[in-house]
């Protein structure tokens, strides 16, 4: 049983609180604007807007990535789209297109079974390879996004002179992954073509990375080239090591 209020001031405060609650309940709810074709077109134009939002962000990342990222980190975060929001959208598009172009799961598994020495693998290893193949296709976006922290760790270790925090390297590499994902989206139609066509996806990514890192970290072209190469090798080692550990754990679980 609740105790009685001990003083007039306490009773007055209690009445004020009840009045506020009643007022909130009686306040009319704001009606959301109904969707119309004009509203949908406005939303589409916002995405393509070159003065603010996603369109503006992509334009700045292509034209002046160093200035754009430093603006977001240290000056103004209103005009640029948040990097994680942008990369999730682009990777989702890339994943959708990849699923359309790549062979279906049965064909991928058949190709995997043609791998040299397949019959020499234990059943647990075979099952684990099939699991990775299926999930790499189905959850391409997850594997791609999982690599960004490792790239960021590599640039954090290699480009130490500028003294960016690791979290800032995460922002930098997430932003840079957006144009790189666009290059991949343009390359998607050639995924099933000859391996020669891969050069059309690799070269733009390499050139853009060197161009962007030079602007961001403000080092000479030669320094950026060899440091970018070192970052790539370090990223491959770290990410590959984690994938090998996960693969080993999966084999043990299936044994």
Foldseek 3Di string as FASTA:
>chain_A
DDDDDDDPVVVVVVVVVVVVVVVVVPDDDDDDDDDDPVNVVVVVVQCCPCFAEPVVLVVCCQPPVQVSLCCCVPNDVGRYDQLVVLLLVLLVLLLVLLCVQDDDLVVQLVVVCPPPCNVVDDPLLNVLVSVCSVCCNVPVVVLVLVLLLLLLVLCCVLLVPVPDDSVSSSRSSSSLVNVLSVLSSVCSNCPPPDPVSVCSSVVVSLVSQLVNCCSNSVDDSVSSNVSVVSSVVSSCVVSVVVVVVVSVVSSVVSD
